[in-house]
Amino acid sequence: MRIKAEDTFAIVIDYQEKILPAMSGQEELLRKSQILLGGLKALEVPMILTTQYAKGLGNNIPAITDAMGVTEAIDKNTFSVYDNESVRQAIPHGKKNVILCGIEAHICVLQSLMDLQAAGYQTILVADCVASRSDRDLAFAYERAKQEGAIITSAEAILYELAGSSKHPAFKTISALVK
C-alpha cells in the first residue's frame, strides 16, 4: 500500500523537557525527528502535538516545535493519545493514515498506536523517530507494533514516499533536510 500525503496526518507524542534526557539515543532521535517534522511541514501534512502532564514533565522542546511550526500542544494524562477527547477532536476528517513519532515508544506511542489501529486508522511508526529509556523496551515496542498491524518505516523513507517524485514542490526541502 502506497502512503499518500493527502490521506495522512501525524501525531507527535511528548518530546518533553523532563522526559527526553532519559531517552536512549536522544541525539539521533532529535536529529531524525527534526527531519521528519520539517518534511511533514513542507508536505503540508497536518500534525497534532501532545504533552503528557506538562505541569510536571514540562513542555515540548523548542527543536521539535520549531521543526513543526507548532507550539501549542494538547496536554493529556492518558498514555494513549486516542483516549484523550481533545486529541480525537483534533484528528482531521477524511484521513486514514496516521504517522506516529515520539516518546516513550513502549508506553505512550505503543498504546496510541494500538488504539488508533483498533479505531480503523493505518498506523505508521517511524522507527528512527521513537525512543525509550532502554533499547530492550524499544525493541519490544517495534515487535508489538508489527503484531498490531503497523507499518514500520524510517523518516527518510516516509518523506520520499509522501512526496512521490522529485517533481513534488516539497522535494527540494526534503532533500535538503535529509542531507
N, C-alpha and C. Protein backbone atom coordinates (compact mmCIF):
# COMPACT_ATOMS: atom_id res chain seq x y z
N MET A 1 0.84 -1.18 0.00
CA MET A 1 0.00 0.00 0.00
C MET A 1 0.89 1.25 0.00
N ARG A 2 0.68 2.12 -0.94
CA ARG A 2 1.40 3.39 -1.03
C ARG A 2 0.75 4.39 -0.09
N ILE A 3 1.54 5.08 0.69
CA ILE A 3 1.04 6.08 1.62
C ILE A 3 1.08 7.43 0.93
N LYS A 4 -0.06 8.10 0.88
CA LYS A 4 -0.17 9.39 0.18
C LYS A 4 -0.41 10.51 1.19
N ALA A 5 0.21 11.65 0.92
CA ALA A 5 0.13 12.79 1.83
C ALA A 5 -1.31 13.24 2.08
N GLU A 6 -2.12 13.22 1.04
CA GLU A 6 -3.50 13.71 1.20
C GLU A 6 -4.36 12.84 2.10
N ASP A 7 -3.91 11.60 2.38
CA ASP A 7 -4.65 10.68 3.24
C ASP A 7 -4.04 10.57 4.64
N THR A 8 -3.09 11.44 4.95
CA THR A 8 -2.23 11.22 6.12
C THR A 8 -2.19 12.42 7.06
N PHE A 9 -2.10 12.13 8.35
CA PHE A 9 -1.81 13.13 9.37
C PHE A 9 -0.79 12.52 10.33
N ALA A 10 -0.26 13.32 11.22
CA ALA A 10 0.75 12.84 12.16
C ALA A 10 0.39 13.25 13.58
N ILE A 11 0.78 12.38 14.51
CA ILE A 11 0.67 12.72 15.92
C ILE A 11 2.08 12.65 16.50
N VAL A 12 2.49 13.75 17.09
CA VAL A 12 3.83 13.95 17.62
C VAL A 12 3.70 13.90 19.15
N ILE A 13 4.28 12.86 19.75
CA ILE A 13 3.96 12.49 21.13
C ILE A 13 5.08 12.82 22.12
N ASP A 14 4.87 13.82 22.94
CA ASP A 14 5.57 14.02 24.21
C ASP A 14 7.10 14.16 24.15
N TYR A 15 7.61 15.02 23.31
CA TYR A 15 9.06 15.30 23.28
C TYR A 15 9.36 16.34 24.36
N GLN A 16 9.17 15.98 25.61
CA GLN A 16 9.15 16.94 26.70
C GLN A 16 10.49 17.10 27.42
N GLU A 17 10.66 18.30 27.97
CA GLU A 17 11.90 18.71 28.62
C GLU A 17 12.40 17.74 29.69
N LYS A 18 11.50 17.23 30.51
CA LYS A 18 11.93 16.40 31.63
C LYS A 18 11.96 14.91 31.29
N ILE A 19 11.42 14.51 30.15
CA ILE A 19 11.43 13.09 29.75
C ILE A 19 12.58 12.82 28.79
N LEU A 20 12.79 13.70 27.85
CA LEU A 20 13.75 13.50 26.77
C LEU A 20 15.17 13.14 27.24
N PRO A 21 15.71 13.79 28.26
CA PRO A 21 17.08 13.46 28.66
C PRO A 21 17.28 12.00 29.07
N ALA A 22 16.23 11.31 29.47
CA ALA A 22 16.34 9.91 29.89
C ALA A 22 16.29 8.92 28.73
N MET A 23 16.02 9.40 27.52
CA MET A 23 15.87 8.50 26.38
C MET A 23 17.21 8.00 25.86
N SER A 24 17.24 6.73 25.52
CA SER A 24 18.42 6.15 24.88
C SER A 24 18.52 6.71 23.46
N GLY A 25 19.70 7.15 23.07
CA GLY A 25 19.90 7.67 21.71
C GLY A 25 19.19 8.98 21.43
N GLN A 26 19.08 9.83 22.43
CA GLN A 26 18.28 11.05 22.29
C GLN A 26 18.79 11.99 21.20
N GLU A 27 20.09 12.06 20.97
CA GLU A 27 20.62 12.98 19.95
C GLU A 27 20.17 12.56 18.55
N GLU A 28 20.26 11.26 18.27
CA GLU A 28 19.82 10.75 16.97
C GLU A 28 18.30 10.86 16.84
N LEU A 29 17.58 10.60 17.92
CA LEU A 29 16.13 10.76 17.93
C LEU A 29 15.76 12.18 17.52
N LEU A 30 16.40 13.16 18.13
CA LEU A 30 16.08 14.56 17.82
C LEU A 30 16.45 14.91 16.38
N ARG A 31 17.61 14.47 15.94
CA ARG A 31 18.04 14.78 14.56
C ARG A 31 17.05 14.22 13.55
N LYS A 32 16.69 12.96 13.70
CA LYS A 32 15.76 12.32 12.76
C LYS A 32 14.36 12.90 12.88
N SER A 33 13.94 13.23 14.09
CA SER A 33 12.61 13.80 14.30
C SER A 33 12.50 15.18 13.67
N GLN A 34 13.55 15.98 13.76
CA GLN A 34 13.54 17.29 13.12
C GLN A 34 13.43 17.15 11.60
N ILE A 35 14.11 16.18 11.04
CA ILE A 35 13.99 15.92 9.59
C ILE A 35 12.56 15.53 9.25
N LEU A 36 12.01 14.57 9.99
CA LEU A 36 10.64 14.11 9.74
C LEU A 36 9.65 15.27 9.83
N LEU A 37 9.70 16.02 10.91
CA LEU A 37 8.71 17.07 11.14
C LEU A 37 8.86 18.23 10.16
N GLY A 38 10.10 18.59 9.84
CA GLY A 38 10.31 19.62 8.82
C GLY A 38 9.79 19.18 7.46
N GLY A 39 9.98 17.91 7.13
CA GLY A 39 9.47 17.37 5.87
C GLY A 39 7.95 17.31 5.84
N LEU A 40 7.35 16.87 6.95
CA LEU A 40 5.88 16.82 7.01
C LEU A 40 5.30 18.22 6.88
N LYS A 41 5.96 19.18 7.50
CA LYS A 41 5.51 20.57 7.39
C LYS A 41 5.57 21.02 5.92
N ALA A 42 6.68 20.73 5.24
CA ALA A 42 6.83 21.10 3.83
C ALA A 42 5.78 20.41 2.96
N LEU A 43 5.42 19.18 3.32
CA LEU A 43 4.41 18.42 2.58
C LEU A 43 2.99 18.81 2.95
N GLU A 44 2.85 19.69 3.95
CA GLU A 44 1.56 20.15 4.45
C GLU A 44 0.71 19.03 5.03
N VAL A 45 1.38 18.09 5.68
CA VAL A 45 0.69 17.02 6.39
C VAL A 45 0.29 17.57 7.75
N PRO A 46 -0.99 17.53 8.11
CA PRO A 46 -1.43 18.05 9.41
C PRO A 46 -0.75 17.28 10.56
N MET A 47 -0.39 18.02 11.60
CA MET A 47 0.28 17.42 12.76
C MET A 47 -0.41 17.85 14.05
N ILE A 48 -0.53 16.90 14.96
CA ILE A 48 -1.07 17.13 16.29
C ILE A 48 0.08 16.90 17.27
N LEU A 49 0.29 17.83 18.17
CA LEU A 49 1.37 17.75 19.15
C LEU A 49 0.76 17.51 20.53
N THR A 50 1.34 16.57 21.29
CA THR A 50 0.83 16.29 22.63
C THR A 50 1.93 16.44 23.68
N THR A 51 1.47 16.61 24.92
CA THR A 51 2.33 16.53 26.09
C THR A 51 1.67 15.60 27.09
N GLN A 52 2.48 14.94 27.90
CA GLN A 52 2.00 14.10 28.99
C GLN A 52 2.19 14.87 30.28
N TYR A 53 1.09 15.34 30.85
CA TYR A 53 1.12 16.07 32.12
C TYR A 53 2.22 17.13 32.11
N ALA A 54 2.02 18.15 31.29
CA ALA A 54 3.02 19.21 31.10
C ALA A 54 3.40 19.92 32.40
N LYS A 55 2.46 20.05 33.33
CA LYS A 55 2.74 20.72 34.60
C LYS A 55 3.91 20.05 35.32
N GLY A 56 3.99 18.74 35.25
CA GLY A 56 5.05 18.01 35.93
C GLY A 56 6.23 17.66 35.04
N LEU A 57 5.98 17.43 33.74
CA LEU A 57 7.03 16.94 32.85
C LEU A 57 7.55 17.99 31.87
N GLY A 58 6.98 19.18 31.91
CA GLY A 58 7.47 20.26 31.07
C GLY A 58 6.85 20.29 29.69
N ASN A 59 7.23 21.29 28.93
CA ASN A 59 6.73 21.47 27.57
C ASN A 59 7.57 20.69 26.58
N ASN A 60 7.09 20.62 25.34
CA ASN A 60 7.89 20.04 24.27
C ASN A 60 9.10 20.94 24.03
N ILE A 61 10.19 20.33 23.66
CA ILE A 61 11.41 21.12 23.47
C ILE A 61 11.33 21.96 22.20
N PRO A 62 11.97 23.12 22.19
CA PRO A 62 11.90 24.02 21.04
C PRO A 62 12.36 23.40 19.71
N ALA A 63 13.33 22.50 19.73
CA ALA A 63 13.78 21.88 18.49
C ALA A 63 12.62 21.18 17.77
N ILE A 64 11.72 20.60 18.52
CA ILE A 64 10.57 19.89 17.94
C ILE A 64 9.51 20.89 17.50
N THR A 65 9.15 21.82 18.36
CA THR A 65 8.10 22.78 17.99
C THR A 65 8.55 23.66 16.83
N ASP A 66 9.83 24.01 16.78
CA ASP A 66 10.34 24.81 15.66
C ASP A 66 10.27 24.02 14.35
N ALA A 67 10.65 22.75 14.39
CA ALA A 67 10.61 21.92 13.18
C ALA A 67 9.18 21.77 12.66
N MET A 68 8.23 21.66 13.58
CA MET A 68 6.82 21.51 13.22
C MET A 68 6.18 22.81 12.79
N GLY A 69 6.67 23.91 13.36
CA GLY A 69 5.98 25.18 13.17
C GLY A 69 4.73 25.25 14.03
N VAL A 70 4.71 24.48 15.11
CA VAL A 70 3.57 24.39 16.02
C VAL A 70 4.10 24.54 17.44
N THR A 71 3.45 25.35 18.24
CA THR A 71 3.88 25.46 19.63
C THR A 71 2.83 24.96 20.60
N GLU A 72 1.58 24.99 20.21
CA GLU A 72 0.51 24.59 21.10
C GLU A 72 0.33 23.08 21.08
N ALA A 73 0.37 22.49 22.28
CA ALA A 73 0.21 21.05 22.42
C ALA A 73 -1.07 20.75 23.18
N ILE A 74 -1.60 19.57 22.93
CA ILE A 74 -2.74 19.09 23.69
C ILE A 74 -2.18 18.31 24.87
N ASP A 75 -2.48 18.77 26.07
CA ASP A 75 -1.99 18.10 27.26
C ASP A 75 -2.91 16.93 27.59
N LYS A 76 -2.30 15.85 28.02
CA LYS A 76 -3.07 14.65 28.34
C LYS A 76 -2.52 14.02 29.61
N ASN A 77 -3.35 13.20 30.24
CA ASN A 77 -2.87 12.40 31.36
C ASN A 77 -3.08 10.92 31.09
N THR A 78 -3.58 10.60 29.90
CA THR A 78 -3.72 9.22 29.46
C THR A 78 -2.45 8.84 28.71
N PHE A 79 -2.09 7.58 28.73
CA PHE A 79 -0.92 7.17 27.97
C PHE A 79 -1.23 7.18 26.47
N SER A 80 -2.38 6.66 26.10
CA SER A 80 -2.79 6.68 24.69
C SER A 80 -3.35 8.06 24.34
N VAL A 81 -2.85 8.62 23.26
CA VAL A 81 -3.40 9.90 22.81
C VAL A 81 -4.86 9.75 22.42
N TYR A 82 -5.24 8.58 21.93
CA TYR A 82 -6.60 8.36 21.46
C TYR A 82 -7.61 8.29 22.61
N ASP A 83 -7.13 8.10 23.82
CA ASP A 83 -8.01 8.14 24.99
C ASP A 83 -8.34 9.56 25.42
N ASN A 84 -7.74 10.54 24.77
CA ASN A 84 -7.96 11.94 25.10
C ASN A 84 -8.95 12.55 24.11
N GLU A 85 -10.05 13.07 24.62
CA GLU A 85 -11.11 13.63 23.78
C GLU A 85 -10.61 14.78 22.91
N SER A 86 -9.77 15.64 23.46
CA SER A 86 -9.26 16.78 22.68
C SER A 86 -8.41 16.32 21.50
N VAL A 87 -7.63 15.27 21.69
CA VAL A 87 -6.84 14.72 20.58
C VAL A 87 -7.78 14.14 19.53
N ARG A 88 -8.75 13.36 19.95
CA ARG A 88 -9.70 12.76 18.98
C ARG A 88 -10.40 13.85 18.17
N GLN A 89 -10.77 14.94 18.82
CA GLN A 89 -11.44 16.03 18.11
C GLN A 89 -10.50 16.76 17.15
N ALA A 90 -9.21 16.74 17.43
CA ALA A 90 -8.23 17.42 16.57
C ALA A 90 -7.86 16.61 15.33
N ILE A 91 -8.23 15.33 15.30
CA ILE A 91 -7.88 14.49 14.15
C ILE A 91 -8.63 14.99 12.92
N PRO A 92 -7.89 15.26 11.84
CA PRO A 92 -8.54 15.75 10.62
C PRO A 92 -9.45 14.70 10.00
N HIS A 93 -10.61 15.14 9.54
CA HIS A 93 -11.57 14.23 8.91
C HIS A 93 -11.06 13.77 7.55
N GLY A 94 -11.40 12.55 7.19
CA GLY A 94 -11.08 12.03 5.87
C GLY A 94 -9.67 11.49 5.73
N LYS A 95 -8.91 11.45 6.79
CA LYS A 95 -7.54 10.91 6.75
C LYS A 95 -7.56 9.50 7.31
N LYS A 96 -6.91 8.57 6.63
CA LYS A 96 -6.92 7.18 7.09
C LYS A 96 -5.57 6.71 7.62
N ASN A 97 -4.51 7.43 7.33
CA ASN A 97 -3.17 7.05 7.76
C ASN A 97 -2.68 8.01 8.84
N VAL A 98 -2.06 7.46 9.87
CA VAL A 98 -1.51 8.31 10.93
C VAL A 98 -0.05 7.93 11.19
N ILE A 99 0.81 8.92 11.04
CA ILE A 99 2.24 8.77 11.33
C ILE A 99 2.44 9.06 12.81
N LEU A 100 3.17 8.17 13.48
CA LEU A 100 3.43 8.34 14.90
C LEU A 100 4.93 8.46 15.16
N CYS A 101 5.26 9.42 16.01
CA CYS A 101 6.64 9.59 16.46
C CYS A 101 6.59 10.12 17.87
N GLY A 102 7.69 9.95 18.61
CA GLY A 102 7.75 10.50 19.96
C GLY A 102 8.25 9.52 20.99
N ILE A 103 7.90 9.82 22.25
CA ILE A 103 8.41 9.03 23.37
C ILE A 103 7.30 8.80 24.40
N GLU A 104 7.37 7.80 25.18
CA GLU A 104 8.22 6.65 25.05
C GLU A 104 7.57 5.63 24.14
N ALA A 105 8.39 4.96 23.35
CA ALA A 105 7.91 4.04 22.31
C ALA A 105 7.05 2.92 22.89
N HIS A 106 7.44 2.37 24.02
CA HIS A 106 6.74 1.21 24.58
C HIS A 106 5.57 1.58 25.48
N ILE A 107 5.35 2.86 25.69
CA ILE A 107 4.24 3.28 26.55
C ILE A 107 3.26 4.13 25.74
N CYS A 108 3.47 5.44 25.72
CA CYS A 108 2.51 6.34 25.06
C CYS A 108 2.40 6.09 23.56
N VAL A 109 3.52 5.91 22.89
CA VAL A 109 3.46 5.71 21.44
C VAL A 109 2.76 4.38 21.12
N LEU A 110 3.15 3.31 21.80
CA LEU A 110 2.57 2.00 21.52
C LEU A 110 1.08 1.94 21.86
N GLN A 111 0.70 2.47 23.02
CA GLN A 111 -0.72 2.44 23.38
C GLN A 111 -1.55 3.29 22.43
N SER A 112 -0.99 4.40 21.98
CA SER A 112 -1.68 5.23 20.98
C SER A 112 -1.84 4.47 19.67
N LEU A 113 -0.77 3.81 19.26
CA LEU A 113 -0.78 3.02 18.02
C LEU A 113 -1.88 1.95 18.08
N MET A 114 -1.93 1.22 19.19
CA MET A 114 -2.93 0.15 19.32
C MET A 114 -4.35 0.70 19.24
N ASP A 115 -4.61 1.80 19.94
CA ASP A 115 -5.96 2.37 19.94
C ASP A 115 -6.33 2.96 18.58
N LEU A 116 -5.39 3.62 17.92
CA LEU A 116 -5.65 4.18 16.59
C LEU A 116 -5.89 3.07 15.58
N GLN A 117 -5.09 2.01 15.67
CA GLN A 117 -5.27 0.86 14.78
C GLN A 117 -6.66 0.24 15.00
N ALA A 118 -7.05 0.06 16.26
CA ALA A 118 -8.37 -0.51 16.58
C ALA A 118 -9.50 0.39 16.10
N ALA A 119 -9.26 1.70 16.03
CA ALA A 119 -10.28 2.65 15.58
C ALA A 119 -10.36 2.73 14.05
N GLY A 120 -9.52 1.96 13.35
CA GLY A 120 -9.62 1.90 11.89
C GLY A 120 -8.57 2.69 11.13
N TYR A 121 -7.64 3.31 11.83
CA TYR A 121 -6.56 4.04 11.16
C TYR A 121 -5.42 3.09 10.82
N GLN A 122 -4.74 3.35 9.71
CA GLN A 122 -3.50 2.64 9.42
C GLN A 122 -2.38 3.40 10.10
N THR A 123 -1.74 2.77 11.05
CA THR A 123 -0.68 3.44 11.78
C THR A 123 0.67 3.22 11.09
N ILE A 124 1.48 4.27 11.11
CA ILE A 124 2.81 4.24 10.53
C ILE A 124 3.77 4.67 11.62
N LEU A 125 4.56 3.74 12.10
CA LEU A 125 5.52 4.01 13.17
C LEU A 125 6.86 4.35 12.53
N VAL A 126 7.34 5.55 12.78
CA VAL A 126 8.62 5.99 12.22
C VAL A 126 9.70 5.55 13.22
N ALA A 127 10.36 4.45 12.90
CA ALA A 127 11.23 3.75 13.85
C ALA A 127 12.39 4.60 14.34
N ASP A 128 12.93 5.45 13.49
CA ASP A 128 14.06 6.27 13.94
C ASP A 128 13.62 7.57 14.61
N CYS A 129 12.31 7.71 14.82
CA CYS A 129 11.76 8.91 15.48
C CYS A 129 10.95 8.53 16.72
N VAL A 130 11.26 7.39 17.30
CA VAL A 130 10.70 6.98 18.59
C VAL A 130 11.84 6.50 19.46
N ALA A 131 11.66 6.60 20.77
CA ALA A 131 12.70 6.15 21.70
C ALA A 131 12.06 5.74 23.02
N SER A 132 12.84 4.96 23.76
CA SER A 132 12.51 4.56 25.12
C SER A 132 13.77 4.73 25.96
N ARG A 133 13.60 4.62 27.26
CA ARG A 133 14.78 4.70 28.13
C ARG A 133 15.72 3.53 27.88
N SER A 134 15.16 2.36 27.59
CA SER A 134 16.02 1.20 27.34
C SER A 134 15.83 0.71 25.90
N ASP A 135 16.92 0.25 25.32
CA ASP A 135 16.86 -0.30 23.96
C ASP A 135 16.02 -1.57 23.92
N ARG A 136 15.99 -2.29 25.00
CA ARG A 136 15.19 -3.52 25.07
C ARG A 136 13.69 -3.18 24.98
N ASP A 137 13.26 -2.17 25.73
CA ASP A 137 11.85 -1.74 25.65
C ASP A 137 11.52 -1.26 24.24
N LEU A 138 12.45 -0.57 23.61
CA LEU A 138 12.25 -0.10 22.25
C LEU A 138 12.06 -1.27 21.29
N ALA A 139 12.88 -2.29 21.43
CA ALA A 139 12.77 -3.48 20.57
C ALA A 139 11.42 -4.17 20.76
N PHE A 140 10.96 -4.26 22.00
CA PHE A 140 9.65 -4.86 22.25
C PHE A 140 8.53 -4.00 21.65
N ALA A 141 8.70 -2.70 21.69
CA ALA A 141 7.69 -1.80 21.10
C ALA A 141 7.59 -2.02 19.59
N TYR A 142 8.73 -2.16 18.91
CA TYR A 142 8.71 -2.44 17.46
C TYR A 142 7.99 -3.76 17.18
N GLU A 143 8.31 -4.76 17.96
CA GLU A 143 7.70 -6.09 17.75
C GLU A 143 6.20 -6.04 17.97
N ARG A 144 5.78 -5.40 19.03
CA ARG A 144 4.33 -5.31 19.31
C ARG A 144 3.63 -4.48 18.24
N ALA A 145 4.26 -3.42 17.79
CA ALA A 145 3.66 -2.59 16.73
C ALA A 145 3.43 -3.42 15.47
N LYS A 146 4.40 -4.27 15.12
CA LYS A 146 4.24 -5.17 13.96
C LYS A 146 3.06 -6.10 14.18
N GLN A 147 2.97 -6.67 15.38
CA GLN A 147 1.87 -7.59 15.71
C GLN A 147 0.52 -6.90 15.60
N GLU A 148 0.48 -5.62 15.89
CA GLU A 148 -0.77 -4.85 15.85
C GLU A 148 -1.13 -4.39 14.44
N GLY A 149 -0.24 -4.60 13.47
CA GLY A 149 -0.54 -4.24 12.08
C GLY A 149 0.01 -2.91 11.62
N ALA A 150 0.91 -2.32 12.39
CA ALA A 150 1.51 -1.04 12.00
C ALA A 150 2.48 -1.23 10.84
N ILE A 151 2.63 -0.18 10.05
CA ILE A 151 3.70 -0.11 9.06
C ILE A 151 4.88 0.53 9.78
N ILE A 152 6.04 -0.09 9.69
CA ILE A 152 7.22 0.45 10.34
C ILE A 152 8.18 0.92 9.25
N THR A 153 8.63 2.17 9.38
CA THR A 153 9.45 2.78 8.35
C THR A 153 10.45 3.74 9.00
N SER A 154 11.18 4.46 8.16
CA SER A 154 12.12 5.47 8.65
C SER A 154 11.64 6.86 8.22
N ALA A 155 12.23 7.87 8.83
CA ALA A 155 11.87 9.26 8.50
C ALA A 155 12.11 9.53 7.02
N GLU A 156 13.28 9.20 6.53
CA GLU A 156 13.60 9.48 5.14
C GLU A 156 12.68 8.72 4.19
N ALA A 157 12.44 7.45 4.47
CA ALA A 157 11.58 6.64 3.59
C ALA A 157 10.16 7.21 3.50
N ILE A 158 9.58 7.57 4.65
CA ILE A 158 8.20 8.06 4.61
C ILE A 158 8.11 9.42 3.92
N LEU A 159 9.10 10.27 4.11
CA LEU A 159 9.04 11.58 3.45
C LEU A 159 9.10 11.45 1.94
N TYR A 160 9.99 10.62 1.43
CA TYR A 160 10.07 10.44 -0.01
C TYR A 160 8.84 9.71 -0.56
N GLU A 161 8.28 8.80 0.22
CA GLU A 161 7.05 8.13 -0.21
C GLU A 161 5.90 9.13 -0.29
N LEU A 162 5.78 10.00 0.69
CA LEU A 162 4.71 11.01 0.67
C LEU A 162 4.89 12.01 -0.47
N ALA A 163 6.13 12.34 -0.78
CA ALA A 163 6.39 13.27 -1.89
C ALA A 163 6.07 12.61 -3.23
N GLY A 164 6.41 11.34 -3.36
CA GLY A 164 6.05 10.60 -4.58
C GLY A 164 7.00 10.76 -5.75
N SER A 165 7.59 11.92 -5.91
CA SER A 165 8.52 12.12 -7.02
C SER A 165 9.36 13.38 -6.77
N SER A 166 10.39 13.53 -7.58
CA SER A 166 11.25 14.71 -7.46
C SER A 166 10.57 15.96 -8.01
N LYS A 167 9.38 15.79 -8.59
CA LYS A 167 8.64 16.93 -9.12
C LYS A 167 7.74 17.58 -8.06
N HIS A 168 7.62 16.94 -6.90
CA HIS A 168 6.78 17.50 -5.83
C HIS A 168 7.39 18.82 -5.36
N PRO A 169 6.57 19.83 -5.09
CA PRO A 169 7.08 21.13 -4.65
C PRO A 169 7.93 21.06 -3.37
N ALA A 170 7.72 20.06 -2.53
CA ALA A 170 8.47 19.94 -1.28
C ALA A 170 9.75 19.12 -1.43
N PHE A 171 9.99 18.57 -2.63
CA PHE A 171 11.13 17.68 -2.81
C PHE A 171 12.46 18.33 -2.43
N LYS A 172 12.71 19.54 -2.86
CA LYS A 172 13.99 20.19 -2.57
C LYS A 172 14.17 20.44 -1.07
N THR A 173 13.09 20.80 -0.40
CA THR A 173 13.14 20.99 1.05
C THR A 173 13.47 19.68 1.74
N ILE A 174 12.79 18.61 1.35
CA ILE A 174 13.04 17.30 1.94
C ILE A 174 14.47 16.86 1.66
N SER A 175 14.90 17.03 0.44
CA SER A 175 16.26 16.66 0.04
C SER A 175 17.30 17.38 0.89
N ALA A 176 17.08 18.65 1.13
CA ALA A 176 18.00 19.44 1.96
C ALA A 176 17.97 18.97 3.41
N LEU A 177 16.81 18.60 3.91
CA LEU A 177 16.69 18.16 5.29
C LEU A 177 17.42 16.85 5.54
N VAL A 178 17.34 15.91 4.61
CA VAL A 178 17.94 14.60 4.83
C VAL A 178 19.46 14.57 4.60
N LYS A 179 20.00 15.59 3.97
CA LYS A 179 21.45 15.62 3.70
C LYS A 179 22.25 16.03 4.90
